[in-house]
Protein backbone atom coordinates (compact mmCIF):
# COMPACT_ATOMS: atom_id res chain seq x y z
CA MET A 1 0.19 0.09 0.07
CA LYS A 2 1.13 3.48 -0.95
CA ARG A 3 2.66 5.87 1.84
CA GLY A 4 -0.39 8.38 1.37
CA LYS A 5 -3.08 5.58 1.60
CA VAL A 6 -1.58 4.50 4.51
CA LYS A 7 -0.98 7.71 6.46
CA ALA A 8 -5.06 8.47 5.44
CA LEU A 9 -6.32 4.98 6.92
CA LYS A 10 -4.36 5.83 10.28
CA VAL A 11 -6.06 9.23 10.41
CA LEU A 12 -9.38 7.58 9.45
CA LEU A 13 -8.23 4.96 12.52
CA ALA A 14 -7.51 7.85 14.92
CA THR A 15 -10.89 9.64 14.60
CA GLY A 16 -12.98 6.63 14.89
CA LEU A 17 -14.56 7.21 11.13
CA ALA A 18 -13.28 3.81 10.23
CA VAL A 19 -16.21 2.40 11.92
CA SER A 20 -18.70 4.16 9.87
CA PHE A 21 -18.29 1.25 7.21
CA PHE A 22 -20.21 -0.78 9.82
CA LEU A 23 -22.62 1.52 10.99
CA PRO A 24 -23.30 4.25 8.19
CA HIS A 25 -24.10 7.33 9.99
CA LEU A 26 -23.73 6.52 13.55
CA TYR A 27 -20.18 7.81 13.84
CA LEU A 28 -20.20 11.03 11.81
CA SER A 29 -22.10 12.68 14.26
CA PRO A 30 -19.18 13.97 16.66
CA VAL A 31 -17.68 15.61 13.68
CA SER A 32 -21.05 17.31 12.82
CA ALA A 33 -22.35 18.15 16.14
CA ALA A 34 -20.70 21.31 16.78
CA ALA A 35 -21.70 22.85 13.17
CA ASP A 36 -23.81 25.94 14.92
CA SER A 37 -21.84 26.96 18.02
CA THR A 38 -19.51 29.24 20.11
CA ALA A 39 -16.05 28.93 19.82
CA THR A 40 -13.56 27.89 22.36
CA THR A 41 -9.79 28.16 22.08
CA SER A 42 -8.10 25.06 22.81
CA ALA A 43 -3.96 24.47 24.85
CA ILE A 44 -2.46 25.05 21.67
CA GLY A 45 -4.15 28.11 20.53
CA VAL A 46 -6.48 25.76 17.64
CA VAL A 47 -10.08 27.83 17.98
CA LYS A 48 -13.05 25.38 17.98
CA LYS A 49 -16.91 25.37 18.24
CA LEU A 50 -18.87 24.12 20.89
CA PRO A 51 -22.23 22.26 20.35
CA LYS A 52 -25.30 23.77 21.47
CA VAL A 53 -27.29 21.88 23.95
CA GLU A 54 -30.72 22.83 25.11
CA VAL A 55 -31.63 21.47 28.64
CA ILE A 56 -36.07 21.10 28.51
CA ALA A 57 -36.81 20.87 32.39
CA THR A 58 -39.84 18.99 33.61
CA GLY A 59 -39.28 19.01 37.30
CA GLY A 60 -38.96 15.84 39.07
CA THR A 61 -36.63 14.53 41.96
CA MET A 62 -33.63 16.27 40.33
CA ALA A 63 -34.98 19.60 40.81
CA GLY A 64 -36.41 18.54 44.26
CA LYS A 65 -35.43 20.53 47.29
CA SER A 66 -35.01 18.65 50.49
CA THR A 67 -36.15 19.57 54.05
CA ASP A 68 -31.85 19.62 55.45
CA GLU A 69 -28.81 18.17 53.49
CA THR A 70 -29.62 14.99 55.10
CA SER A 71 -33.19 14.62 53.86
CA PHE A 72 -32.58 12.04 51.30
CA ASP A 73 -36.22 10.79 51.30
CA THR A 74 -37.99 14.05 52.15
CA TYR A 75 -37.92 16.56 49.55
CA ARG A 76 -40.24 18.36 47.40
CA ALA A 77 -39.76 17.19 43.58
CA GLY A 78 -39.97 19.81 41.07
CA SER A 79 -38.87 23.07 43.69
CA LEU A 80 -35.39 24.79 42.10
CA PRO A 81 -35.77 25.95 38.33
CA ILE A 82 -33.37 24.27 35.39
CA GLU A 83 -31.65 27.95 35.14
CA ASP A 84 -30.19 27.66 38.50
CA LEU A 85 -29.09 24.05 38.30
CA VAL A 86 -27.32 24.69 34.98
CA LYS A 87 -25.46 27.72 36.15
CA SER A 88 -24.50 25.93 39.43
CA LEU A 89 -22.28 23.62 37.02
CA PRO A 90 -18.70 23.60 36.90
CA ASN A 91 -16.83 23.71 33.89
CA LYS A 92 -19.75 23.32 31.29
CA ASP A 93 -18.80 25.86 29.05
CA GLN A 94 -15.82 23.35 28.07
CA ILE A 95 -18.64 21.08 26.86
CA ALA A 96 -20.80 22.80 25.53
CA GLU A 97 -23.00 26.18 25.11
CA VAL A 98 -25.74 25.56 27.44
CA SER A 99 -29.24 26.91 27.06
CA THR A 100 -32.27 26.20 29.23
CA TYR A 101 -36.12 25.72 28.86
CA GLN A 102 -38.25 25.65 31.95
CA PHE A 103 -41.51 23.51 30.42
CA GLY A 104 -42.78 22.22 33.54
CA ASN A 105 -41.71 21.63 37.18
CA SER A 106 -43.77 18.73 38.37
CA GLY A 107 -43.11 14.91 38.78
CA SER A 108 -43.03 12.68 36.12
CA SER A 109 -46.15 11.05 36.54
CA ALA A 110 -47.92 13.82 37.05
CA TYR A 111 -47.91 15.13 33.17
CA SER A 112 -50.50 13.93 30.99
CA MET A 113 -50.17 12.45 27.40
CA GLU A 114 -51.69 15.89 26.04
CA GLN A 115 -48.74 17.62 27.81
CA LEU A 116 -46.19 14.85 26.67
CA TYR A 117 -47.32 15.41 23.34
CA ASP A 118 -46.11 19.34 23.73
CA LEU A 119 -43.00 18.03 25.43
CA SER A 120 -41.94 16.08 21.84
CA LEU A 121 -43.02 19.04 19.68
CA LYS A 122 -40.86 21.40 21.88
CA VAL A 123 -37.89 19.18 21.60
CA ASP A 124 -38.38 18.94 18.08
CA GLU A 125 -38.94 22.31 17.74
CA ALA A 126 -35.46 23.02 19.68
CA LEU A 127 -33.19 20.42 17.58
CA LYS A 128 -33.76 22.81 14.40
CA THR A 129 -31.37 25.03 16.22
CA GLN A 130 -29.42 22.61 18.56
CA ASP A 131 -27.36 19.82 18.43
CA GLY A 132 -28.97 18.03 21.24
CA VAL A 133 -31.22 18.03 23.84
CA VAL A 134 -31.32 17.09 27.42
CA VAL A 135 -34.75 16.35 29.18
CA THR A 136 -34.89 16.11 32.81
CA SER A 137 -37.23 13.87 34.37
CA GLY A 138 -38.59 12.33 37.36
CA THR A 139 -37.99 8.70 37.40
CA ASP A 140 -41.08 7.30 38.52
CA THR A 141 -42.33 7.55 34.78
CA MET A 142 -39.08 8.24 33.00
CA GLU A 143 -39.06 5.38 30.72
CA GLU A 144 -42.81 6.31 29.70
CA ILE A 145 -41.76 9.61 28.78
CA ALA A 146 -38.76 8.61 27.04
CA TYR A 147 -40.16 6.10 24.82
CA PHE A 148 -42.46 8.40 24.00
CA LEU A 149 -40.04 10.53 23.30
CA ASP A 150 -38.14 7.87 21.42
CA LEU A 151 -41.25 7.21 19.39
CA THR A 152 -42.63 10.64 17.83
CA VAL A 153 -38.92 12.99 17.88
CA GLN A 154 -38.50 13.54 14.33
CA SER A 155 -35.18 14.51 14.52
CA PRO A 156 -32.07 12.48 14.32
CA LYS A 157 -30.18 14.40 16.54
CA PRO A 158 -29.31 13.16 20.44
CA VAL A 159 -31.83 13.16 23.02
CA VAL A 160 -31.19 12.42 26.24
CA VAL A 161 -33.41 12.02 29.23
CA THR A 162 -32.04 12.29 32.74
CA GLY A 163 -33.11 12.91 36.33
CA SER A 164 -31.54 11.61 40.00
CA MET A 165 -32.61 9.65 42.66
CA ARG A 166 -31.31 12.23 45.07
CA PRO A 167 -32.85 15.57 45.24
CA TRP A 168 -30.09 18.56 44.11
CA THR A 169 -29.58 19.92 47.91
CA VAL A 170 -28.86 16.84 49.98
CA ILE A 171 -24.96 15.24 50.53
CA GLY A 172 -24.53 12.81 48.01
CA THR A 173 -26.80 13.86 45.52
CA ASP A 174 -26.44 12.03 41.94
CA ALA A 175 -28.17 15.22 40.37
CA PRO A 176 -25.41 17.40 39.25
CA ALA A 177 -23.39 14.94 37.72
CA ASN A 178 -26.37 13.18 36.23
CA LEU A 179 -27.10 16.55 34.34
CA TYR A 180 -23.24 17.44 33.67
CA ASN A 181 -22.86 13.86 31.72
CA ALA A 182 -26.45 14.14 29.99
CA ILE A 183 -25.06 17.50 28.87
CA LYS A 184 -21.58 15.74 27.70
CA LEU A 185 -23.39 12.87 26.17
CA ALA A 186 -25.61 15.13 23.67
CA ALA A 187 -22.93 17.27 23.03
CA SER A 188 -20.78 14.44 22.43
CA GLY A 189 -23.51 13.49 19.29
CA LYS A 190 -22.27 9.71 19.82
CA THR A 191 -26.12 8.89 20.26
CA LYS A 192 -27.32 10.53 16.84
CA TYR A 193 -29.72 8.39 15.16
CA PHE A 194 -29.53 6.42 18.19
CA GLY A 195 -33.51 8.00 19.05
CA THR A 196 -33.83 8.58 22.67
CA VAL A 197 -31.19 7.54 25.42
CA VAL A 198 -31.74 7.47 29.22
CA MET A 199 -28.34 8.62 31.23
CA LEU A 200 -28.09 8.10 34.87
CA ASN A 201 -25.42 6.96 37.10
CA ASP A 202 -22.71 7.27 34.23
CA GLU A 203 -24.13 4.47 31.78
CA PHE A 204 -26.85 5.38 28.86
CA HIS A 205 -29.71 2.79 27.67
CA ALA A 206 -31.91 2.91 24.84
CA ALA A 207 -35.24 3.98 25.82
CA ARG A 208 -37.26 1.28 24.33
CA GLU A 209 -35.58 -1.28 26.65
CA VAL A 210 -34.04 0.71 30.15
CA THR A 211 -36.74 0.13 33.35
CA LYS A 212 -36.10 1.18 36.88
CA THR A 213 -35.80 -1.48 39.14
CA ASN A 214 -35.46 0.01 42.27
CA SER A 215 -37.42 2.53 44.68
CA TYR A 216 -34.32 3.99 45.85
CA ARG A 217 -31.02 3.15 44.50
CA THR A 218 -29.17 5.16 42.51
CA ASP A 219 -28.40 2.14 40.35
CA THR A 220 -32.20 1.94 39.52
CA PHE A 221 -31.77 2.01 35.74
CA VAL A 222 -31.38 -1.45 33.95
CA THR A 223 -31.57 -3.06 30.35
CA PRO A 224 -32.74 -6.53 31.21
CA GLU A 225 -30.69 -9.11 29.81
CA ILE A 226 -29.25 -6.73 26.94
CA GLY A 227 -27.63 -4.66 29.03
CA ALA A 228 -26.76 -0.75 28.56
CA LEU A 229 -25.48 0.99 25.42
CA GLY A 230 -22.52 2.42 27.01
CA TYR A 231 -20.49 4.14 29.74
CA ILE A 232 -19.21 7.93 30.77
CA ASP A 233 -16.44 7.96 32.53
CA GLU A 234 -15.20 11.62 33.04
CA LYS A 235 -13.49 12.22 29.05
CA ASN A 236 -14.53 8.58 28.00
CA ILE A 237 -17.70 8.10 26.45
CA ARG A 238 -17.62 4.59 25.35
CA VAL A 239 -20.81 2.95 23.32
CA TYR A 240 -20.86 -0.81 23.36
CA ARG A 241 -23.76 -1.15 21.68
CA ALA A 242 -26.38 0.41 19.17
CA PRO A 243 -30.31 0.27 19.09
CA PHE A 244 -31.38 -1.19 15.98
CA ARG A 245 -32.62 2.16 14.81
CA ALA A 246 -29.02 3.43 14.57
CA LEU A 247 -28.61 0.71 11.53
CA LYS A 248 -31.38 2.16 9.61
CA PRO A 249 -30.84 4.73 6.49
CA ALA A 250 -31.66 8.43 7.07
CA SER A 251 -34.10 8.67 4.71
CA ASP A 252 -35.94 5.61 6.49
CA TRP A 253 -35.11 6.64 9.96
CA ALA A 254 -38.23 8.64 11.64
CA THR A 255 -41.17 6.54 12.77
CA PRO A 256 -44.51 7.32 11.22
CA PHE A 257 -45.68 9.03 14.66
CA ASN A 258 -45.26 12.71 13.65
CA LEU A 259 -46.99 14.70 16.06
CA ASN A 260 -47.69 17.54 13.52
CA LYS A 261 -50.01 15.27 11.42
CA ILE A 262 -52.60 14.73 14.80
CA SER A 263 -53.99 16.66 17.55
CA LYS A 264 -53.99 16.02 21.04
CA LYS A 265 -57.87 15.07 20.68
CA ASP A 266 -56.55 12.15 18.65
CA ILE A 267 -54.66 10.61 21.32
CA ALA A 268 -55.66 7.04 22.07
CA LYS A 269 -56.91 5.85 25.58
CA VAL A 270 -54.92 2.62 26.21
CA GLU A 271 -54.80 0.78 29.54
CA ILE A 272 -52.74 -1.68 31.20
CA ALA A 273 -54.50 -5.09 33.03
CA TYR A 274 -52.05 -6.82 35.48
CA SER A 275 -53.11 -10.72 35.52
CA TYR A 276 -52.69 -12.63 38.57
CA GLN A 277 -53.97 -15.91 40.64
CA ASP A 278 -57.44 -16.20 39.72
CA ALA A 279 -57.73 -12.37 38.47
CA GLY A 280 -60.90 -11.54 37.67
CA PRO A 281 -62.16 -9.85 34.63
CA GLY A 282 -63.23 -6.06 35.97
CA ALA A 283 -60.17 -4.33 35.04
CA ILE A 284 -60.61 -5.44 31.69
CA SER A 285 -64.85 -4.68 31.46
CA GLY A 286 -63.96 -1.51 33.50
CA PHE A 287 -61.33 -0.31 31.03
CA VAL A 288 -63.55 -0.85 27.76
CA ALA A 289 -66.66 0.93 29.51
CA ALA A 290 -64.21 4.17 30.09
CA GLY A 291 -63.35 3.86 26.35
CA ALA A 292 -60.18 2.02 26.25
CA LYS A 293 -59.63 1.19 22.64
CA GLY A 294 -56.50 -0.82 23.42
CA ILE A 295 -55.45 -2.82 26.45
CA VAL A 296 -52.02 -4.37 27.32
CA THR A 297 -52.13 -7.24 29.26
CA ALA A 298 -49.27 -7.81 31.99
CA GLY A 299 -49.56 -11.52 32.36
CA THR A 300 -47.73 -14.21 34.12
CA GLY A 301 -44.95 -16.40 32.74
CA ALA A 302 -44.98 -15.98 29.09
CA GLY A 303 -47.75 -13.62 29.00
CA GLY A 304 -50.85 -15.53 29.95
CA ILE A 305 -53.49 -14.29 32.07
CA SER A 306 -56.59 -16.07 34.03
CA LYS A 307 -59.39 -17.66 32.52
CA ALA A 308 -61.55 -14.74 33.43
CA MET A 309 -59.77 -12.20 32.13
CA SER A 310 -59.15 -14.18 29.04
CA GLU A 311 -63.19 -14.43 28.62
CA GLU A 312 -63.69 -11.18 29.27
CA ARG A 313 -60.59 -10.23 26.50
CA ALA A 314 -62.75 -12.44 23.79
CA GLU A 315 -65.69 -9.86 24.25
CA ALA A 316 -64.11 -6.78 24.24
CA ILE A 317 -62.18 -7.88 21.25
CA LYS A 318 -66.05 -8.50 19.55
CA LYS A 319 -66.46 -4.48 20.16
CA GLY A 320 -62.84 -3.34 18.44
CA VAL A 321 -60.48 -3.28 21.39
CA ILE A 322 -57.37 -4.56 20.73
CA PHE A 323 -54.62 -5.80 22.89
CA VAL A 324 -51.11 -6.42 23.47
CA MET A 325 -49.70 -9.41 25.78
CA THR A 326 -46.55 -8.96 27.60
CA THR A 327 -45.07 -10.34 30.84
CA ARG A 328 -45.22 -9.33 34.03
CA THR A 329 -41.82 -11.38 35.15
CA GLY A 330 -39.82 -8.14 34.21
CA SER A 331 -37.89 -9.79 31.45
CA GLY A 332 -38.20 -12.25 28.41
CA SER A 333 -40.41 -11.92 25.12
CA ASN A 334 -44.04 -12.74 24.54
CA TYR A 335 -44.89 -14.39 20.76
CA SER A 336 -48.78 -14.84 21.09
CA ASN A 337 -50.62 -13.62 18.22
CA GLY A 338 -54.13 -13.85 17.39
CA ASP A 339 -57.66 -12.58 16.66
CA GLY A 340 -57.26 -8.57 18.01
CA VAL A 341 -54.27 -9.62 19.97
CA ILE A 342 -50.48 -8.87 19.44
CA ALA A 343 -47.30 -10.07 20.95
CA GLY A 344 -45.48 -7.53 22.76
CA ASP A 345 -42.13 -9.31 21.83
CA ASN A 346 -39.88 -8.25 25.12
CA LEU A 347 -41.45 -4.77 25.52
CA ASN A 348 -42.62 -4.54 29.14
CA ALA A 349 -46.29 -3.43 29.78
CA ALA A 350 -45.63 0.36 30.40
CA HIS A 351 -43.61 0.58 27.03
CA ALA A 352 -45.80 -1.43 25.19
CA ARG A 353 -48.56 0.43 26.01
CA ILE A 354 -46.55 3.96 24.90
CA LEU A 355 -46.49 2.12 21.40
CA LEU A 356 -50.06 1.01 21.13
CA LEU A 357 -51.22 4.02 22.39
CA LEU A 358 -49.48 5.86 20.08
CA CYS A 359 -50.49 2.96 16.78
CA LEU A 360 -54.33 3.71 17.90
CA SER A 361 -53.96 7.32 17.55
CA TYR A 362 -52.59 6.89 13.51
CA SER A 363 -54.79 3.91 13.13
CA LYS A 364 -57.60 1.87 14.02
CA ASP A 365 -56.92 -0.88 11.62
CA PHE A 366 -55.79 -4.52 13.49
CA ASP A 367 -53.35 -5.18 10.84
CA THR A 368 -51.95 -1.38 10.30
CA VAL A 369 -51.39 -1.97 14.09
CA LYS A 370 -50.09 -5.18 13.97
CA ASN A 371 -47.32 -4.13 11.27
CA TRP A 372 -46.12 -1.26 13.33
CA PHE A 373 -45.39 -3.09 16.22
CA THR A 374 -43.47 -5.51 14.36
CA THR A 375 -41.41 -3.43 12.57
CA ILE A 376 -40.61 -0.32 14.98
CA GLY A 377 -41.69 -2.24 18.14
CA TYR A 378 -40.12 -5.68 18.24
CA GLY A 379 -36.85 -3.33 17.21
CA GLN A 380 -35.20 -6.69 15.78
CA ILE A 381 -32.20 -6.05 13.71
CA GLU A 382 -32.79 -8.05 10.34
CA LEU A 383 -29.27 -9.59 9.06
CA PRO A 384 -29.52 -10.21 5.26
CA SER A 385 -29.51 -13.87 4.17
CA LYS A 386 -26.41 -15.21 2.72
């Protein structure tokens, strides 16, 4: 090989761009992320531009104010403005030009689907001028908020959802570190085309798969069986795997769930029915009576439900209600399809509800909804045949 070609290959390897042979647009983003930003001067005097990152705040524990410095569990969530939290972060001007927007200041479970509709549109609006967005959220329903954004935000730029398990004002809080690292991750561009990711405890996870596993511990967010996408260790941001969306061509990247095409009143009502020993039919019949257009069942084992629930489900299907089967076990897959019933694959019940809700907001046709679950929801990588 000629010397010039060898030198060019070494440059590619040093920058990580050679990996783009396998992931077409995945590792180009760190280069393009700093396109429209303020400038900073490096140690050798070279002027480089900083990426622009907007932090959109919804409240939660991160913005919580504790009774005192050791009140780890006694605090008022959603009390501190995001502008003040960002201002207090040290060295942020070394990683990004950071702006803030106070969308709300409440616990995550206080938000309605209509408000999440507005939040998603705000994220897309911000990404027209920003290189990445960080959304701060309470952790109780963070996985649902993140998956809703994952399925509806149309821009492929980085969206990072973060929060904390301890309020900002206690000793040993994880809040400032999580916020700083979320900004760093968004600014790096390394999750461009990943969809929305969740970042806490120095780890980042795909919104589709991550779930909260403990009510108090700071390492509560876990991706069962599959594991995290990567880790942040000071200046090192390591990506060890990519979600299936990162492998899709840019022209086919966005989901069909463009919120500009529907109104808030179009958002479908979808509920979750939990099965257990000798579970009665009341949950399903009650949800149907209240106007549910879809119901996700969190079943035992591989997704089974009780005899009474099964009989009531059959009656609901006759009325046009669409069901998705998931397991309550915390991990594992479900493959049970049938008349009016769609397999949830390895989506947990909360994630499956978000997807079914969006599907039914755009179509009432069973086959269309099932196809969206198969192509968007299952998230499996299709390898070319030999």
